[in-house]
Amino acid sequence: MAMVIAVYAALLKALGEPLYFPGTPGNFEALYQCTNTAHLADAIAWLAATPGCANQAFNVINGDYVRWRDLWPIFAETFGMKAGPVRTVRLAETMAGKAPLWDRVVEEHGLVPQPFEDVAVWPYGDHLFTPHWDMVSSIHKLCAHGFTQTVETKQPFISAFAALRAARIIP
């Protein structure tokens, strides 16, 4: 998810455009949930070591619910851009011809060269930003069994973007 957003932002910035939200207006406003991979790993390790959790299914999410409308301006600021309004596009189609632009961004910023088709899974972005309904799962069962760790969704995104920059994958 972070990679789709980061590469999308890098391309829009290279075009001199604001960070438009590529999804639907309903998705921009709907409640959404995310799961940070480190948080998921902690939960899996805890579940595996907790006998009362054997052979059960648990939802693992960060524990908060967000709206893209609240995160998008933070993302734009992180990338040194202005937040744009909703501009619904199919990323898989819109990004199909952007390999030359990506190659230019890579060269201009001294990034680690990667084939454009490998840097982001655009159909996944379409999946993320299309639903116009709330996406919420309950972690009550997980908490009732004793795992109460939560993560504020904003920070893992900011950390992921910083890690991608440090690895010279995005500008």
Protein backbone atom coordinates (compact mmCIF):
# COMPACT_ATOMS: atom_id res chain seq x y z
CA MET A 1 0.00 0.00 0.00
CA ALA A 2 2.76 2.44 0.93
CA MET A 3 4.66 1.67 -2.27
CA VAL A 4 1.62 2.35 -4.46
CA ILE A 5 1.05 5.69 -2.74
CA ALA A 6 4.74 6.65 -2.80
CA VAL A 7 5.33 5.88 -6.48
CA TYR A 8 2.03 7.52 -7.44
CA ALA A 9 3.10 10.63 -5.51
CA ALA A 10 6.56 10.65 -7.11
CA LEU A 11 5.04 10.53 -10.59
CA LEU A 12 2.50 13.26 -9.91
CA LYS A 13 5.21 15.43 -8.38
CA ALA A 14 7.39 14.92 -11.46
CA LEU A 15 4.46 16.14 -13.54
CA GLY A 16 4.07 19.21 -11.31
CA GLU A 17 0.66 18.10 -10.12
CA PRO A 18 -0.80 17.97 -6.62
CA LEU A 19 -1.32 14.65 -4.88
CA TYR A 20 -4.78 13.87 -6.20
CA PHE A 21 -6.66 11.10 -4.44
CA PRO A 22 -7.07 8.46 -7.16
CA GLY A 23 -10.04 6.64 -5.67
CA THR A 24 -13.73 7.23 -5.50
CA PRO A 25 -15.34 10.08 -3.54
CA GLY A 26 -17.04 7.50 -1.31
CA ASN A 27 -13.73 5.79 -0.58
CA PHE A 28 -12.14 9.14 0.32
CA GLU A 29 -14.80 9.62 3.02
CA ALA A 30 -15.31 6.03 4.21
CA LEU A 31 -13.76 4.57 7.33
CA TYR A 32 -10.79 2.39 6.52
CA GLN A 33 -8.48 0.08 8.43
CA CYS A 34 -4.88 -0.87 7.86
CA THR A 35 -2.52 -3.47 9.27
CA ASN A 36 1.13 -2.60 9.71
CA THR A 37 3.32 -5.61 8.94
CA ALA A 38 5.42 -5.27 12.12
CA HIS A 39 2.22 -5.11 14.18
CA LEU A 40 0.86 -8.17 12.36
CA ALA A 41 4.10 -10.05 13.02
CA ASP A 42 3.89 -9.18 16.74
CA ALA A 43 0.31 -10.40 16.86
CA ILE A 44 1.13 -13.65 15.04
CA ALA A 45 4.04 -14.36 17.39
CA TRP A 46 1.87 -13.65 20.41
CA LEU A 47 -0.99 -15.80 19.07
CA ALA A 48 1.38 -18.68 18.36
CA ALA A 49 2.69 -18.58 21.94
CA THR A 50 -0.70 -18.21 23.62
CA PRO A 51 -2.36 -21.60 24.21
CA GLY A 52 -5.88 -20.20 24.45
CA CYS A 53 -5.59 -18.91 20.88
CA ALA A 54 -4.89 -22.23 19.16
CA ASN A 55 -7.11 -23.18 16.21
CA GLN A 56 -8.99 -19.87 16.19
CA ALA A 57 -9.30 -17.00 13.75
CA PHE A 58 -8.54 -13.43 14.80
CA ASN A 59 -8.74 -10.09 13.06
CA VAL A 60 -5.50 -8.13 13.32
CA ILE A 61 -5.62 -4.48 12.37
CA ASN A 62 -3.76 -1.47 13.70
CA GLY A 63 -6.66 -0.77 16.02
CA ASP A 64 -7.71 2.62 14.71
CA TYR A 65 -9.91 3.58 11.81
CA VAL A 66 -8.93 6.28 9.38
CA ARG A 67 -10.38 8.20 6.48
CA TRP A 68 -8.25 8.82 3.42
CA ARG A 69 -9.44 12.44 3.50
CA ASP A 70 -7.54 12.84 6.78
CA LEU A 71 -4.39 10.96 5.74
CA TRP A 72 -4.07 12.36 2.22
CA PRO A 73 -2.96 15.89 3.25
CA ILE A 74 -0.38 14.31 5.59
CA PHE A 75 0.93 12.18 2.73
CA ALA A 76 1.07 15.21 0.44
CA GLU A 77 3.07 17.15 3.02
CA THR A 78 5.41 14.17 3.47
CA PHE A 79 6.15 14.24 -0.26
CA GLY A 80 6.47 18.04 -0.39
CA MET A 81 3.28 18.40 -2.41
CA LYS A 82 -0.09 20.04 -2.18
CA ALA A 83 -3.03 17.74 -1.55
CA GLY A 84 -5.32 17.63 -4.52
CA PRO A 85 -9.00 16.78 -4.60
CA VAL A 86 -10.46 13.41 -5.53
CA ARG A 87 -9.68 12.59 -9.15
CA THR A 88 -10.99 9.09 -9.72
CA VAL A 89 -8.77 7.11 -12.07
CA ARG A 90 -8.04 3.45 -12.69
CA LEU A 91 -4.40 3.30 -11.63
CA ALA A 92 -3.76 0.14 -13.64
CA GLU A 93 -4.76 2.02 -16.79
CA THR A 94 -3.42 5.48 -15.93
CA MET A 95 0.00 4.22 -14.86
CA ALA A 96 0.39 1.83 -17.82
CA GLY A 97 2.35 4.35 -19.92
CA LYS A 98 4.38 5.94 -17.13
CA ALA A 99 7.56 3.81 -17.37
CA PRO A 100 9.53 6.55 -19.20
CA LEU A 101 8.50 9.09 -16.57
CA TRP A 102 9.54 6.70 -13.78
CA ASP A 103 12.89 6.13 -15.48
CA ARG A 104 13.41 9.89 -15.56
CA VAL A 105 12.52 10.20 -11.85
CA VAL A 106 14.97 7.38 -11.04
CA GLU A 107 17.75 9.06 -13.00
CA GLU A 108 17.11 12.59 -11.70
CA HIS A 109 17.08 11.47 -8.06
CA GLY A 110 19.75 8.77 -8.24
CA LEU A 111 17.35 6.05 -7.20
CA VAL A 112 18.00 2.33 -7.34
CA PRO A 113 16.90 1.32 -10.84
CA GLN A 114 13.92 -1.00 -10.94
CA PRO A 115 11.65 -1.92 -13.81
CA PHE A 116 8.51 0.17 -13.57
CA GLU A 117 6.28 -2.90 -13.67
CA ASP A 118 7.95 -4.07 -10.44
CA VAL A 119 7.73 -0.91 -8.33
CA ALA A 120 4.00 -0.87 -7.61
CA VAL A 121 1.02 -3.16 -8.07
CA TRP A 122 -1.43 -0.73 -9.63
CA PRO A 123 -4.44 -3.10 -9.66
CA TYR A 124 -3.96 -3.41 -5.89
CA GLY A 125 -4.20 0.39 -5.66
CA ASP A 126 -7.45 0.23 -7.62
CA HIS A 127 -8.70 -2.37 -5.14
CA LEU A 128 -7.74 -0.17 -2.17
CA PHE A 129 -9.24 3.07 -3.40
CA THR A 130 -12.46 1.89 -5.06
CA PRO A 131 -14.89 0.67 -2.36
CA HIS A 132 -17.23 3.43 -1.24
CA TRP A 133 -18.24 1.79 2.03
CA ASP A 134 -16.64 1.57 5.45
CA MET A 135 -14.00 -1.17 5.86
CA VAL A 136 -13.88 -2.05 9.52
CA SER A 137 -13.00 -5.22 11.40
CA SER A 138 -13.30 -5.75 15.11
CA ILE A 139 -10.30 -6.68 17.24
CA HIS A 140 -12.45 -7.26 20.31
CA LYS A 141 -11.81 -11.02 20.27
CA LEU A 142 -8.06 -10.46 19.97
CA CYS A 143 -8.11 -7.98 22.85
CA ALA A 144 -10.32 -10.26 24.97
CA HIS A 145 -7.68 -12.97 24.61
CA GLY A 146 -5.03 -10.55 25.88
CA PHE A 147 -3.35 -8.93 22.86
CA THR A 148 -4.04 -5.23 23.34
CA GLN A 149 -1.18 -3.66 21.36
CA THR A 150 -2.34 -1.10 18.79
CA VAL A 151 -0.65 1.14 16.26
CA GLU A 152 -1.68 4.59 15.03
CA THR A 153 -2.02 4.10 11.26
CA LYS A 154 -0.46 7.42 10.25
CA GLN A 155 2.98 6.70 11.71
CA PRO A 156 3.72 3.41 9.92
CA PHE A 157 2.99 5.11 6.60
CA ILE A 158 5.36 7.98 7.42
CA SER A 159 7.99 5.45 8.55
CA ALA A 160 7.52 3.35 5.41
CA PHE A 161 7.94 6.40 3.17
CA ALA A 162 11.10 7.36 5.08
CA ALA A 163 12.49 3.83 4.74
CA LEU A 164 11.77 3.83 0.99
CA ARG A 165 13.61 7.16 0.69
CA ALA A 166 16.55 5.92 2.73
CA ALA A 167 16.81 2.86 0.48
CA ARG A 168 16.73 5.19 -2.57
CA ILE A 169 13.61 3.53 -3.94
CA ILE A 170 11.59 6.77 -4.01
CA PRO A 171 12.74 10.39 -4.11
